[in-house]
């Protein structure tokens, strides 16, 4: 297979769960607004399907989705320069995630540190969605053939899994269909969660 040329394209998303915090602005939203002016296609998403891997009150999720959308725009994201949408409104995300569930290996998912952290000692009682979360993240990214994904350090392992899924899919089907996506990781601001607790 020859090395294909993929259009440089940025994709990233934020879950509409919990309150927005300084880390969201410094680590993501401000950077997203800057990246749209770099001459690269930028696609940003409210990843509400990821939010339901743990129970969410539907009214709270709807409110948080609206608030996050407003925060994207208030932070400088320009709908004339970037694509901004709600993940659950695009069925291709769930459809591709199912295909990736069939490509990815269960062992890959069990090695994800975020699954271990969130499931804790009660992994047997966690949702299958929580375990398969990284396959949905890979689908979010690869549905648009994104070449770059701005993420925090905590998501780097998921980008590595996205790369593994893309490589396995390409190998299994003898195609160069999906790019091998690169993470774009910036400094400490991506880890600031709260003004009260700077960790």
N, C-alpha and C. Protein backbone atom coordinates (compact mmCIF):
# COMPACT_ATOMS: atom_id res chain seq x y z
N UNK A 1 0.84 -1.18 0.00
CA UNK A 1 0.00 0.00 0.00
C UNK A 1 0.88 1.24 0.00
N UNK A 2 0.52 2.20 -0.81
CA UNK A 2 1.26 3.46 -0.83
C UNK A 2 0.70 4.38 0.24
N UNK A 3 1.53 5.28 0.69
CA UNK A 3 1.11 6.23 1.72
C UNK A 3 0.13 7.23 1.11
N UNK A 4 -1.14 7.22 1.56
CA UNK A 4 -2.11 8.15 1.00
C UNK A 4 -1.89 9.56 1.55
N UNK A 5 -2.42 10.51 0.86
CA UNK A 5 -2.37 11.89 1.31
C UNK A 5 -3.74 12.25 1.86
N UNK A 6 -3.79 12.55 3.13
CA UNK A 6 -5.04 12.96 3.75
C UNK A 6 -5.02 14.47 3.94
N UNK A 7 -6.15 15.09 3.70
CA UNK A 7 -6.30 16.52 3.92
C UNK A 7 -6.08 16.80 5.41
N UNK A 8 -5.19 17.73 5.76
CA UNK A 8 -5.03 18.05 7.18
C UNK A 8 -6.36 18.51 7.77
N UNK A 9 -6.75 17.84 8.85
CA UNK A 9 -8.06 18.12 9.44
C UNK A 9 -7.98 17.87 10.95
N UNK A 10 -8.52 18.81 11.71
CA UNK A 10 -8.54 18.73 13.17
C UNK A 10 -9.94 18.34 13.61
N UNK A 11 -10.01 17.40 14.56
CA UNK A 11 -11.29 17.06 15.19
C UNK A 11 -11.06 16.98 16.69
N UNK A 12 -12.01 17.49 17.45
CA UNK A 12 -11.99 17.29 18.90
C UNK A 12 -13.39 17.53 19.44
N UNK A 13 -13.61 17.09 20.66
CA UNK A 13 -14.91 17.26 21.28
C UNK A 13 -14.80 17.32 22.79
N UNK A 14 -15.86 17.82 23.40
CA UNK A 14 -15.95 17.91 24.86
C UNK A 14 -17.29 17.32 25.28
N UNK A 15 -17.27 16.57 26.38
CA UNK A 15 -18.51 16.01 26.93
C UNK A 15 -19.33 17.09 27.62
N UNK A 16 -20.64 17.06 27.44
CA UNK A 16 -21.51 18.00 28.16
C UNK A 16 -21.95 17.42 29.50
N UNK A 17 -21.00 17.03 30.31
CA UNK A 17 -21.34 16.47 31.62
C UNK A 17 -20.62 17.29 32.68
N UNK A 18 -21.31 17.63 33.73
CA UNK A 18 -20.70 18.45 34.76
C UNK A 18 -20.63 19.91 34.33
N UNK A 19 -20.05 20.70 35.18
CA UNK A 19 -19.93 22.13 34.92
C UNK A 19 -18.66 22.40 34.12
N UNK A 20 -18.73 23.42 33.27
CA UNK A 20 -17.53 23.86 32.58
C UNK A 20 -16.57 24.44 33.60
N UNK A 21 -15.28 24.28 33.35
CA UNK A 21 -14.28 24.75 34.29
C UNK A 21 -13.14 25.42 33.54
N UNK A 22 -12.23 25.99 34.30
CA UNK A 22 -11.11 26.72 33.72
C UNK A 22 -10.29 25.84 32.78
N UNK A 23 -10.12 24.58 33.14
CA UNK A 23 -9.38 23.65 32.29
C UNK A 23 -10.01 23.49 30.92
N UNK A 24 -11.36 23.49 30.85
CA UNK A 24 -12.03 23.42 29.55
C UNK A 24 -11.64 24.61 28.68
N UNK A 25 -11.61 25.80 29.30
CA UNK A 25 -11.29 26.99 28.53
C UNK A 25 -9.81 27.03 28.15
N UNK A 26 -8.93 26.89 29.14
CA UNK A 26 -7.49 27.00 28.88
C UNK A 26 -6.96 25.84 28.05
N UNK A 27 -7.45 24.65 28.32
CA UNK A 27 -6.91 23.47 27.67
C UNK A 27 -7.56 23.12 26.35
N UNK A 28 -8.78 23.59 26.14
CA UNK A 28 -9.48 23.17 24.93
C UNK A 28 -10.10 24.34 24.17
N UNK A 29 -11.08 24.98 24.74
CA UNK A 29 -11.87 25.97 23.98
C UNK A 29 -11.01 27.08 23.38
N UNK A 30 -10.11 27.64 24.17
CA UNK A 30 -9.26 28.72 23.66
C UNK A 30 -8.38 28.21 22.52
N UNK A 31 -7.86 27.00 22.68
CA UNK A 31 -7.01 26.40 21.65
C UNK A 31 -7.82 26.10 20.39
N UNK A 32 -9.05 25.61 20.55
CA UNK A 32 -9.90 25.33 19.39
C UNK A 32 -10.10 26.59 18.56
N UNK A 33 -10.38 27.70 19.24
CA UNK A 33 -10.60 28.97 18.54
C UNK A 33 -9.34 29.40 17.78
N UNK A 34 -8.17 29.20 18.38
CA UNK A 34 -6.91 29.54 17.70
C UNK A 34 -6.68 28.65 16.48
N UNK A 35 -6.96 27.37 16.62
CA UNK A 35 -6.67 26.42 15.54
C UNK A 35 -7.50 26.68 14.29
N UNK A 36 -8.69 27.25 14.46
CA UNK A 36 -9.53 27.50 13.30
C UNK A 36 -8.91 28.55 12.37
N UNK A 37 -7.98 29.34 12.89
CA UNK A 37 -7.33 30.37 12.09
C UNK A 37 -6.00 29.92 11.49
N UNK A 38 -5.66 28.63 11.65
CA UNK A 38 -4.38 28.10 11.16
C UNK A 38 -4.45 27.59 9.73
N UNK A 39 -5.57 27.76 9.06
CA UNK A 39 -5.68 27.32 7.67
C UNK A 39 -5.93 25.83 7.51
N UNK A 40 -6.36 25.17 8.57
CA UNK A 40 -6.66 23.74 8.54
C UNK A 40 -8.15 23.58 8.81
N UNK A 41 -8.78 22.59 8.18
CA UNK A 41 -10.18 22.32 8.47
C UNK A 41 -10.32 21.94 9.94
N UNK A 42 -11.30 22.53 10.62
CA UNK A 42 -11.52 22.23 12.03
C UNK A 42 -12.96 21.79 12.25
N UNK A 43 -13.10 20.69 12.99
CA UNK A 43 -14.41 20.11 13.29
C UNK A 43 -14.46 19.89 14.79
N UNK A 44 -15.47 20.47 15.44
CA UNK A 44 -15.61 20.34 16.89
C UNK A 44 -17.01 19.83 17.22
N UNK A 45 -17.08 19.10 18.31
CA UNK A 45 -18.29 18.35 18.59
C UNK A 45 -18.62 18.39 20.08
N UNK A 46 -19.91 18.43 20.38
CA UNK A 46 -20.40 18.20 21.72
C UNK A 46 -20.65 16.69 21.79
N UNK A 47 -19.80 15.97 22.51
CA UNK A 47 -19.84 14.50 22.47
C UNK A 47 -20.80 13.95 23.54
N UNK A 48 -22.08 14.13 23.27
CA UNK A 48 -23.10 13.74 24.23
C UNK A 48 -23.28 12.23 24.35
N UNK A 49 -22.94 11.46 23.33
CA UNK A 49 -23.01 10.00 23.46
C UNK A 49 -21.98 9.50 24.47
N UNK A 50 -20.84 10.15 24.53
CA UNK A 50 -19.84 9.79 25.53
C UNK A 50 -20.36 10.07 26.94
N UNK A 51 -21.13 11.13 27.08
CA UNK A 51 -21.63 11.50 28.40
C UNK A 51 -22.55 10.44 28.99
N UNK A 52 -23.24 9.67 28.16
CA UNK A 52 -24.21 8.70 28.69
C UNK A 52 -23.58 7.34 29.00
N UNK A 53 -22.25 7.25 28.98
CA UNK A 53 -21.62 6.00 29.42
C UNK A 53 -21.82 5.80 30.92
N UNK A 54 -22.15 6.88 31.62
CA UNK A 54 -22.64 6.81 32.99
C UNK A 54 -23.99 7.53 33.00
N UNK A 55 -24.84 7.19 33.94
CA UNK A 55 -26.21 7.71 33.91
C UNK A 55 -26.22 9.23 33.96
N UNK A 56 -27.06 9.82 33.11
CA UNK A 56 -27.26 11.27 33.07
C UNK A 56 -28.76 11.55 33.10
N UNK A 57 -29.16 12.51 33.88
CA UNK A 57 -30.54 12.96 33.84
C UNK A 57 -30.76 13.62 32.48
N UNK A 58 -31.75 13.20 31.70
CA UNK A 58 -31.93 13.74 30.35
C UNK A 58 -32.07 15.26 30.31
N UNK A 59 -32.79 15.84 31.26
CA UNK A 59 -32.96 17.30 31.27
C UNK A 59 -31.62 17.99 31.55
N UNK A 60 -30.85 17.44 32.48
CA UNK A 60 -29.54 18.02 32.79
C UNK A 60 -28.59 17.90 31.59
N UNK A 61 -28.64 16.77 30.90
CA UNK A 61 -27.79 16.57 29.73
C UNK A 61 -28.15 17.56 28.62
N UNK A 62 -29.45 17.77 28.40
CA UNK A 62 -29.89 18.73 27.37
C UNK A 62 -29.42 20.14 27.72
N UNK A 63 -29.55 20.51 29.01
CA UNK A 63 -29.10 21.84 29.45
C UNK A 63 -27.59 21.97 29.27
N UNK A 64 -26.85 20.96 29.71
CA UNK A 64 -25.39 21.00 29.61
C UNK A 64 -24.93 21.06 28.15
N UNK A 65 -25.66 20.40 27.26
CA UNK A 65 -25.34 20.43 25.83
C UNK A 65 -25.50 21.85 25.28
N UNK A 66 -26.59 22.52 25.66
CA UNK A 66 -26.80 23.91 25.22
C UNK A 66 -25.71 24.83 25.79
N UNK A 67 -25.39 24.65 27.06
CA UNK A 67 -24.38 25.49 27.69
C UNK A 67 -23.01 25.30 27.05
N UNK A 68 -22.67 24.05 26.74
CA UNK A 68 -21.37 23.79 26.11
C UNK A 68 -21.33 24.38 24.70
N UNK A 69 -22.41 24.27 23.97
CA UNK A 69 -22.47 24.86 22.63
C UNK A 69 -22.26 26.37 22.72
N UNK A 70 -22.92 27.00 23.69
CA UNK A 70 -22.75 28.45 23.89
C UNK A 70 -21.31 28.77 24.27
N UNK A 71 -20.68 27.92 25.08
CA UNK A 71 -19.29 28.15 25.49
C UNK A 71 -18.34 28.05 24.30
N UNK A 72 -18.58 27.09 23.41
CA UNK A 72 -17.76 27.00 22.19
C UNK A 72 -17.79 28.35 21.46
N UNK A 73 -18.97 28.88 21.25
CA UNK A 73 -19.11 30.12 20.48
C UNK A 73 -18.58 31.31 21.27
N UNK A 74 -18.88 31.37 22.57
CA UNK A 74 -18.39 32.48 23.40
C UNK A 74 -16.87 32.50 23.48
N UNK A 75 -16.24 31.35 23.31
CA UNK A 75 -14.77 31.26 23.37
C UNK A 75 -14.10 31.67 22.07
N UNK A 76 -14.90 31.99 21.06
CA UNK A 76 -14.34 32.46 19.80
C UNK A 76 -14.47 31.50 18.64
N UNK A 77 -15.10 30.36 18.84
CA UNK A 77 -15.31 29.44 17.73
C UNK A 77 -16.29 30.08 16.75
N UNK A 78 -15.90 30.17 15.51
CA UNK A 78 -16.70 30.83 14.48
C UNK A 78 -17.34 29.78 13.58
N UNK A 79 -18.67 29.65 13.60
CA UNK A 79 -19.33 28.66 12.75
C UNK A 79 -19.10 28.87 11.25
N UNK A 80 -18.57 30.03 10.88
CA UNK A 80 -18.21 30.27 9.48
C UNK A 80 -16.85 29.64 9.14
N UNK A 81 -16.04 29.38 10.17
CA UNK A 81 -14.70 28.83 9.96
C UNK A 81 -14.58 27.38 10.40
N UNK A 82 -15.38 26.97 11.36
CA UNK A 82 -15.31 25.62 11.91
C UNK A 82 -16.68 24.95 11.84
N UNK A 83 -16.66 23.65 11.79
CA UNK A 83 -17.90 22.89 11.90
C UNK A 83 -18.10 22.59 13.38
N UNK A 84 -19.29 22.85 13.88
CA UNK A 84 -19.65 22.58 15.27
C UNK A 84 -20.98 21.86 15.28
N UNK A 85 -21.04 20.71 15.95
CA UNK A 85 -22.28 19.93 15.94
C UNK A 85 -22.39 19.07 17.19
N UNK A 86 -23.58 18.49 17.34
CA UNK A 86 -23.90 17.60 18.44
C UNK A 86 -23.75 16.16 17.96
N UNK A 87 -22.89 15.40 18.60
CA UNK A 87 -22.54 14.04 18.19
C UNK A 87 -23.76 13.14 17.94
N UNK A 88 -24.73 13.17 18.82
CA UNK A 88 -25.87 12.24 18.70
C UNK A 88 -26.75 12.55 17.49
N UNK A 89 -26.56 13.70 16.88
CA UNK A 89 -27.35 14.06 15.71
C UNK A 89 -26.76 13.51 14.41
N UNK A 90 -25.60 12.84 14.51
CA UNK A 90 -24.95 12.26 13.33
C UNK A 90 -24.83 10.75 13.56
N UNK A 91 -25.77 9.96 13.00
CA UNK A 91 -25.78 8.52 13.24
C UNK A 91 -24.49 7.80 12.84
N UNK A 92 -23.71 8.37 11.94
CA UNK A 92 -22.48 7.72 11.49
C UNK A 92 -21.52 7.46 12.65
N UNK A 93 -21.57 8.26 13.70
CA UNK A 93 -20.68 8.04 14.84
C UNK A 93 -20.96 6.69 15.49
N UNK A 94 -22.23 6.43 15.78
CA UNK A 94 -22.60 5.16 16.42
C UNK A 94 -22.40 3.98 15.47
N UNK A 95 -22.69 4.19 14.19
CA UNK A 95 -22.53 3.12 13.21
C UNK A 95 -21.06 2.72 13.05
N UNK A 96 -20.19 3.71 12.93
CA UNK A 96 -18.77 3.41 12.79
C UNK A 96 -18.20 2.84 14.09
N UNK A 97 -18.71 3.31 15.23
CA UNK A 97 -18.26 2.77 16.51
C UNK A 97 -18.56 1.27 16.58
N UNK A 98 -19.72 0.86 16.06
CA UNK A 98 -20.03 -0.57 16.07
C UNK A 98 -19.01 -1.34 15.22
N UNK A 99 -18.68 -0.83 14.05
CA UNK A 99 -17.68 -1.50 13.22
C UNK A 99 -16.33 -1.57 13.94
N UNK A 100 -15.97 -0.48 14.63
CA UNK A 100 -14.71 -0.47 15.36
C UNK A 100 -14.75 -1.41 16.57
N UNK A 101 -15.93 -1.61 17.17
CA UNK A 101 -16.06 -2.60 18.24
C UNK A 101 -15.71 -3.99 17.71
N UNK A 102 -15.96 -4.21 16.43
CA UNK A 102 -15.66 -5.50 15.81
C UNK A 102 -14.21 -5.60 15.35
N UNK A 103 -13.53 -4.49 15.21
CA UNK A 103 -12.11 -4.46 14.81
C UNK A 103 -11.20 -4.48 16.04
N UNK A 104 -11.55 -3.70 17.05
CA UNK A 104 -10.72 -3.59 18.26
C UNK A 104 -10.76 -4.90 19.05
N UNK A 105 -9.75 -5.12 19.83
CA UNK A 105 -9.66 -6.32 20.67
C UNK A 105 -10.07 -5.96 22.10
N UNK A 106 -10.75 -6.88 22.76
CA UNK A 106 -11.21 -6.65 24.13
C UNK A 106 -10.03 -6.30 25.04
N UNK A 107 -8.91 -6.98 24.85
CA UNK A 107 -7.73 -6.69 25.67
C UNK A 107 -7.27 -5.25 25.53
N UNK A 108 -7.41 -4.69 24.33
CA UNK A 108 -7.05 -3.28 24.13
C UNK A 108 -7.89 -2.40 25.04
N UNK A 109 -9.19 -2.70 25.10
CA UNK A 109 -10.11 -1.88 25.89
C UNK A 109 -9.82 -2.00 27.39
N UNK A 110 -9.56 -3.22 27.84
CA UNK A 110 -9.28 -3.42 29.27
C UNK A 110 -8.00 -2.73 29.71
N UNK A 111 -7.09 -2.46 28.79
CA UNK A 111 -5.84 -1.78 29.15
C UNK A 111 -6.00 -0.27 29.28
N UNK A 112 -7.12 0.28 28.87
CA UNK A 112 -7.32 1.72 28.93
C UNK A 112 -7.37 2.17 30.39
N UNK A 113 -6.46 3.06 30.77
CA UNK A 113 -6.39 3.49 32.16
C UNK A 113 -7.64 4.25 32.59
N UNK A 114 -8.28 4.98 31.68
CA UNK A 114 -9.50 5.70 32.06
C UNK A 114 -10.62 4.74 32.42
N UNK A 115 -10.71 3.60 31.73
CA UNK A 115 -11.72 2.61 32.10
C UNK A 115 -11.43 2.09 33.50
N UNK A 116 -10.18 1.77 33.76
CA UNK A 116 -9.81 1.26 35.08
C UNK A 116 -10.12 2.29 36.16
N UNK A 117 -9.81 3.56 35.89
CA UNK A 117 -10.06 4.62 36.87
C UNK A 117 -11.55 4.81 37.13
N UNK A 118 -12.35 4.86 36.06
CA UNK A 118 -13.78 5.12 36.21
C UNK A 118 -14.54 3.91 36.73
N UNK A 119 -14.15 2.72 36.31
CA UNK A 119 -14.83 1.51 36.76
C UNK A 119 -14.40 1.13 38.17
N UNK A 120 -13.16 1.44 38.51
CA UNK A 120 -12.65 1.12 39.84
C UNK A 120 -12.65 -0.37 40.11
N UNK A 121 -12.91 -0.71 41.35
CA UNK A 121 -12.90 -2.12 41.76
C UNK A 121 -14.17 -2.84 41.33
N UNK A 122 -15.12 -2.11 40.80
CA UNK A 122 -16.41 -2.68 40.45
C UNK A 122 -16.58 -2.76 38.93
N UNK A 123 -15.53 -3.14 38.22
CA UNK A 123 -15.54 -3.16 36.75
C UNK A 123 -16.64 -4.04 36.19
N UNK A 124 -16.97 -5.12 36.87
CA UNK A 124 -18.01 -6.04 36.39
C UNK A 124 -19.37 -5.36 36.32
N UNK A 125 -19.60 -4.34 37.13
CA UNK A 125 -20.89 -3.65 37.14
C UNK A 125 -20.90 -2.37 36.32
N UNK A 126 -19.79 -2.04 35.67
CA UNK A 126 -19.78 -0.84 34.83
C UNK A 126 -20.46 -1.15 33.50
N UNK A 127 -20.85 -0.11 32.81
CA UNK A 127 -21.57 -0.32 31.54
C UNK A 127 -20.61 -0.75 30.43
N UNK A 128 -21.16 -1.48 29.48
CA UNK A 128 -20.39 -1.84 28.30
C UNK A 128 -19.98 -0.58 27.55
N UNK A 129 -20.83 0.45 27.60
CA UNK A 129 -20.50 1.72 26.96
C UNK A 129 -19.23 2.34 27.50
N UNK A 130 -19.02 2.20 28.82
CA UNK A 130 -17.80 2.74 29.42
C UNK A 130 -16.57 1.99 28.90
N UNK A 131 -16.69 0.68 28.77
CA UNK A 131 -15.58 -0.11 28.23
C UNK A 131 -15.32 0.22 26.76
N UNK A 132 -16.40 0.39 25.99
CA UNK A 132 -16.28 0.63 24.54
C UNK A 132 -16.10 2.11 24.19
N UNK A 133 -16.09 2.97 25.19
CA UNK A 133 -15.93 4.41 25.00
C UNK A 133 -14.81 4.75 24.01
N UNK A 134 -13.62 4.14 24.13
CA UNK A 134 -12.53 4.50 23.20
C UNK A 134 -12.83 4.15 21.74
N UNK A 135 -13.65 3.12 21.49
CA UNK A 135 -14.01 2.80 20.10
C UNK A 135 -14.93 3.88 19.54
N UNK A 136 -15.82 4.43 20.38
CA UNK A 136 -16.66 5.54 19.94
C UNK A 136 -15.80 6.77 19.69
N UNK A 137 -14.82 7.00 20.54
CA UNK A 137 -13.92 8.14 20.32
C UNK A 137 -13.16 7.98 19.01
N UNK A 138 -12.71 6.76 18.72
CA UNK A 138 -12.04 6.50 17.44
C UNK A 138 -12.98 6.78 16.28
N UNK A 139 -14.24 6.39 16.42
CA UNK A 139 -15.22 6.65 15.37
C UNK A 139 -15.45 8.14 15.18
N UNK A 140 -15.53 8.88 16.28
CA UNK A 140 -15.69 10.34 16.19
C UNK A 140 -14.59 10.94 15.34
N UNK A 141 -13.38 10.51 15.59
CA UNK A 141 -12.20 11.07 14.93
C UNK A 141 -12.09 10.61 13.49
N UNK A 142 -12.22 9.31 13.29
CA UNK A 142 -11.95 8.74 11.97
C UNK A 142 -13.11 8.89 10.99
N UNK A 143 -14.30 9.16 11.48
CA UNK A 143 -15.44 9.41 10.57
C UNK A 143 -15.14 10.59 9.65
N UNK A 144 -14.32 11.51 10.14
CA UNK A 144 -13.98 12.71 9.38
C UNK A 144 -12.55 12.65 8.83
N UNK A 145 -11.91 11.51 8.96
CA UNK A 145 -10.52 11.34 8.52
C UNK A 145 -9.63 12.41 9.13
N UNK A 146 -9.86 12.69 10.41
CA UNK A 146 -9.06 13.71 11.10
C UNK A 146 -7.61 13.25 11.19
N UNK A 147 -6.72 14.17 10.89
CA UNK A 147 -5.29 13.88 10.96
C UNK A 147 -4.68 14.31 12.29
N UNK A 148 -5.34 15.23 12.98
CA UNK A 148 -4.83 15.77 14.23
C UNK A 148 -5.97 15.95 15.23
N UNK A 149 -5.68 15.64 16.50
CA UNK A 149 -6.69 15.77 17.55
C UNK A 149 -6.07 16.47 18.76
N UNK A 150 -6.52 17.69 19.06
CA UNK A 150 -6.05 18.34 20.28
C UNK A 150 -6.71 17.66 21.48
N UNK A 151 -5.89 17.12 22.38
CA UNK A 151 -6.40 16.42 23.55
C UNK A 151 -5.53 16.74 24.76
N UNK A 152 -6.07 16.45 25.92
CA UNK A 152 -5.29 16.51 27.14
C UNK A 152 -4.46 15.25 27.28
N UNK A 153 -3.48 15.30 28.14
CA UNK A 153 -2.61 14.15 28.38
C UNK A 153 -3.41 12.91 28.75
N UNK A 154 -4.53 13.10 29.46
CA UNK A 154 -5.35 11.96 29.90
C UNK A 154 -6.01 11.22 28.74
N UNK A 155 -6.09 11.85 27.58
CA UNK A 155 -6.72 11.21 26.42
C UNK A 155 -5.70 10.65 25.42
N UNK A 156 -4.43 10.84 25.68
CA UNK A 156 -3.40 10.38 24.73
C UNK A 156 -3.51 8.89 24.46
N UNK A 157 -3.78 8.10 25.48
CA UNK A 157 -3.89 6.65 25.30
C UNK A 157 -5.04 6.31 24.35
N UNK A 158 -6.11 7.09 24.40
CA UNK A 158 -7.24 6.85 23.49
C UNK A 158 -6.86 7.17 22.04
N UNK A 159 -6.01 8.17 21.85
CA UNK A 159 -5.55 8.47 20.49
C UNK A 159 -4.64 7.35 19.99
N UNK A 160 -3.82 6.81 20.87
CA UNK A 160 -3.00 5.66 20.48
C UNK A 160 -3.87 4.48 20.07
N UNK A 161 -4.97 4.26 20.80
CA UNK A 161 -5.91 3.20 20.43
C UNK A 161 -6.57 3.52 19.09
N UNK A 162 -6.92 4.77 18.86
CA UNK A 162 -7.50 5.18 17.57
C UNK A 162 -6.54 4.84 16.44
N UNK A 163 -5.28 5.10 16.66
CA UNK A 163 -4.26 4.77 15.65
C UNK A 163 -4.20 3.26 15.41
N UNK A 164 -4.28 2.48 16.50
CA UNK A 164 -4.26 1.02 16.38
C UNK A 164 -5.48 0.51 15.60
N UNK A 165 -6.64 1.07 15.90
CA UNK A 165 -7.86 0.65 15.20
C UNK A 165 -7.76 1.00 13.73
N UNK A 166 -7.31 2.21 13.41
CA UNK A 166 -7.16 2.62 12.01
C UNK A 166 -6.18 1.71 11.28
N UNK A 167 -5.05 1.43 11.91
CA UNK A 167 -4.04 0.58 11.28
C UNK A 167 -4.56 -0.84 11.06
N UNK A 168 -5.27 -1.38 12.05
CA UNK A 168 -5.80 -2.74 11.91
C UNK A 168 -6.88 -2.79 10.83
N UNK A 169 -7.77 -1.80 10.81
CA UNK A 169 -8.79 -1.74 9.76
C UNK A 169 -8.12 -1.69 8.39
N UNK A 170 -7.18 -0.76 8.22
CA UNK A 170 -6.49 -0.62 6.94
C UNK A 170 -5.80 -1.92 6.54
N UNK A 171 -5.14 -2.56 7.50
CA UNK A 171 -4.45 -3.82 7.22
C UNK A 171 -5.44 -4.94 6.88
N UNK A 172 -6.47 -5.09 7.70
CA UNK A 172 -7.44 -6.17 7.50
C UNK A 172 -8.12 -6.10 6.14
N UNK A 173 -8.40 -4.88 5.68
CA UNK A 173 -9.12 -4.71 4.42
C UNK A 173 -8.20 -4.35 3.25
N UNK A 174 -6.89 -4.27 3.50
CA UNK A 174 -5.94 -3.99 2.43
C UNK A 174 -6.13 -2.64 1.78
N UNK A 175 -6.47 -1.64 2.61
CA UNK A 175 -6.72 -0.29 2.11
C UNK A 175 -5.95 0.72 2.96
N UNK A 176 -5.83 1.91 2.45
CA UNK A 176 -5.31 3.04 3.22
C UNK A 176 -6.47 4.02 3.40
N UNK A 177 -7.51 3.56 4.06
CA UNK A 177 -8.74 4.34 4.15
C UNK A 177 -8.71 5.37 5.28
N UNK A 178 -8.19 4.96 6.44
CA UNK A 178 -8.17 5.87 7.58
C UNK A 178 -6.75 6.39 7.83
N UNK A 179 -6.64 7.67 8.19
CA UNK A 179 -5.32 8.21 8.54
C UNK A 179 -4.87 7.69 9.91
N UNK A 180 -3.59 7.73 10.14
CA UNK A 180 -3.04 7.42 11.46
C UNK A 180 -2.93 8.76 12.19
N UNK A 181 -3.94 9.06 12.96
CA UNK A 181 -4.14 10.36 13.59
C UNK A 181 -3.05 10.69 14.60
N UNK A 182 -2.67 11.96 14.63
CA UNK A 182 -1.66 12.44 15.58
C UNK A 182 -2.32 13.23 16.71
N UNK A 183 -1.93 12.97 17.96
CA UNK A 183 -2.44 13.80 19.05
C UNK A 183 -1.71 15.14 19.06
N UNK A 184 -2.41 16.19 19.45
CA UNK A 184 -1.81 17.51 19.65
C UNK A 184 -2.00 17.83 21.13
N UNK A 185 -0.92 17.75 21.88
CA UNK A 185 -1.00 17.91 23.33
C UNK A 185 -0.24 19.15 23.73
N UNK A 186 -0.91 20.01 24.53
CA UNK A 186 -0.25 21.20 25.04
C UNK A 186 0.02 21.04 26.52
N UNK A 187 0.48 22.10 27.14
CA UNK A 187 0.99 22.06 28.51
C UNK A 187 -0.01 21.87 29.62
N UNK A 188 0.35 22.39 30.78
CA UNK A 188 -0.34 22.13 32.03
C UNK A 188 -1.78 22.60 32.04
N UNK A 189 -2.15 23.59 31.24
CA UNK A 189 -3.52 24.10 31.25
C UNK A 189 -4.53 23.01 30.92
N UNK A 190 -4.11 22.01 30.16
CA UNK A 190 -5.04 20.93 29.81
C UNK A 190 -5.39 20.08 31.02
N UNK A 191 -4.68 20.26 32.13
CA UNK A 191 -4.95 19.45 33.32
C UNK A 191 -5.59 20.25 34.45
N UNK A 192 -5.77 21.56 34.31
CA UNK A 192 -6.38 22.36 35.37
C UNK A 192 -7.88 22.10 35.36
N UNK A 193 -8.40 21.56 36.44
CA UNK A 193 -9.81 21.20 36.49
C UNK A 193 -10.65 22.24 37.22
N UNK A 194 -10.08 22.98 38.15
CA UNK A 194 -10.87 23.85 38.99
C UNK A 194 -9.99 24.95 39.56
N UNK A 195 -10.59 26.11 39.81
CA UNK A 195 -9.85 27.18 40.47
C UNK A 195 -9.65 26.86 41.95
N UNK A 196 -10.57 26.10 42.53
CA UNK A 196 -10.46 25.73 43.94
C UNK A 196 -9.39 24.67 44.17
N UNK A 197 -9.24 23.77 43.19
CA UNK A 197 -8.27 22.68 43.31
C UNK A 197 -7.52 22.62 41.99
N UNK A 198 -6.31 23.13 41.95
CA UNK A 198 -5.53 23.24 40.72
C UNK A 198 -5.03 21.94 40.15
N UNK A 199 -5.49 20.81 40.66
CA UNK A 199 -5.07 19.53 40.10
C UNK A 199 -6.02 19.19 39.03
